[in-house]
Protein backbone atom coordinates (compact mmCIF):
# COMPACT_ATOMS: atom_id res chain seq x y z
CA MET A 1 -89.26 -160.40 -208.63
CA GLU A 2 -91.53 -158.94 -205.95
CA THR A 3 -90.10 -159.02 -202.43
CA LEU A 4 -91.90 -159.17 -199.09
CA ASN A 5 -91.07 -155.49 -198.51
CA ASP A 6 -92.73 -154.62 -201.82
CA LYS A 7 -95.87 -156.48 -200.77
CA LEU A 8 -95.99 -154.80 -197.35
CA GLU A 9 -94.97 -151.32 -198.45
CA ASP A 10 -98.42 -149.69 -198.37
CA ARG A 11 -99.91 -151.82 -195.59
CA LYS A 12 -100.38 -150.62 -192.04
CA LEU A 13 -99.86 -152.92 -189.09
CA GLU A 14 -103.29 -154.08 -187.95
CA LEU A 15 -103.52 -155.19 -184.35
CA GLU A 16 -106.42 -156.09 -182.12
CA TYR A 17 -106.22 -154.11 -178.89
CA PRO A 18 -105.60 -154.55 -176.09
CA CYS A 19 -102.63 -156.78 -176.84
CA ASN A 20 -99.25 -157.72 -175.43
CA TRP A 21 -96.35 -155.86 -177.02
CA CYS A 22 -92.59 -156.28 -176.71
CA TYR A 23 -90.16 -153.39 -177.07
CA LYS A 24 -86.45 -154.12 -177.35
CA VAL A 25 -84.73 -151.33 -175.45
CA ILE A 26 -80.99 -150.60 -175.74
CA ALA A 27 -78.90 -148.50 -173.35
CA SER A 28 -75.33 -148.21 -172.16
CA GLN A 29 -76.10 -149.46 -168.63
CA LYS A 30 -78.65 -151.89 -167.23
CA GLU A 31 -79.51 -149.64 -164.27
CA ALA A 32 -80.03 -146.61 -166.55
CA LEU A 33 -82.31 -148.67 -168.79
CA GLN A 34 -84.33 -149.89 -165.80
CA GLN A 35 -84.70 -146.30 -164.54
CA ALA A 36 -85.87 -145.12 -167.96
CA VAL A 37 -88.54 -147.83 -168.05
CA ARG A 38 -89.72 -146.80 -164.56
CA ASP A 39 -89.82 -143.15 -165.67
CA VAL A 40 -91.91 -143.94 -168.75
CA ILE A 41 -94.38 -146.57 -167.56
CA SER A 42 -94.40 -145.80 -163.82
CA GLU A 43 -96.36 -148.42 -161.85
CA ARG A 44 -97.84 -150.10 -164.92
CA GLU A 45 -97.56 -153.90 -164.90
CA HIS A 46 -94.71 -155.07 -167.13
CA LYS A 47 -91.95 -157.63 -167.51
CA LEU A 48 -88.37 -156.49 -168.17
CA THR A 49 -85.93 -159.24 -169.11
CA HIS A 50 -82.30 -159.29 -170.23
CA SER A 51 -81.86 -159.78 -173.95
CA ASN A 52 -78.21 -159.27 -174.86
CA ASN A 53 -74.93 -157.50 -174.15
CA SER A 54 -72.71 -156.14 -176.91
CA LYS A 55 -69.40 -157.92 -177.42
CA THR A 56 -67.51 -154.95 -175.99
CA GLY A 57 -69.92 -154.57 -173.07
CA LYS A 58 -70.70 -151.02 -174.17
CA TYR A 59 -74.45 -151.69 -174.61
CA VAL A 60 -77.12 -153.81 -172.99
CA SER A 61 -80.50 -154.69 -174.47
CA MET A 62 -83.61 -155.76 -172.60
CA ASN A 63 -87.11 -156.82 -173.62
CA LEU A 64 -89.97 -154.81 -172.19
CA ASP A 65 -93.24 -156.75 -172.36
CA LEU A 66 -96.53 -155.12 -171.41
CA LEU A 67 -100.18 -154.78 -172.34
CA VAL A 68 -100.90 -151.87 -174.68
CA HIS A 69 -104.47 -150.60 -174.83
CA ASN A 70 -104.54 -149.00 -178.29
CA GLU A 71 -102.36 -147.66 -181.10
CA GLU A 72 -101.85 -144.31 -179.35
CA ASP A 73 -100.73 -146.05 -176.15
CA ARG A 74 -98.28 -148.28 -178.05
CA GLN A 75 -96.83 -145.31 -179.95
CA PHE A 76 -96.66 -143.09 -176.85
CA ILE A 77 -94.57 -145.65 -174.96
CA TYR A 78 -92.27 -146.11 -177.97
CA ASP A 79 -91.79 -142.35 -178.39
CA ALA A 80 -91.27 -141.74 -174.66
CA LEU A 81 -88.66 -144.51 -174.40
CA LYS A 82 -86.91 -143.30 -177.54
CA ALA A 83 -86.77 -139.72 -176.22
CA HIS A 84 -85.46 -140.70 -172.77
CA GLN A 85 -81.89 -139.55 -172.13
CA ASN A 86 -80.79 -143.00 -170.88
CA ILE A 87 -82.00 -144.88 -173.96
CA LYS A 88 -79.88 -145.34 -177.10
CA MET A 89 -82.44 -147.18 -179.26
CA VAL A 90 -85.90 -148.78 -179.18
CA LEU A 91 -86.98 -151.53 -181.57
């Protein structure tokens, strides 16, 4: 039986730019996460909202919504967030 992953395996995400994009960003502290977002996107217009806290309180996740202009822009922001010392994970 063919699964959805099998059907999508060789397909690339096709988006029409510019478009709104949401990154889920995970860090150990809310303030550190907010600083990382400021470091990466500077003065660019965005919306950062609380998403979740881990049961133990060790991690916090927030949604970063902003307009991305093209594939390179979207990937650059993802890579820069992922590489930031304050960030544990980006989805």
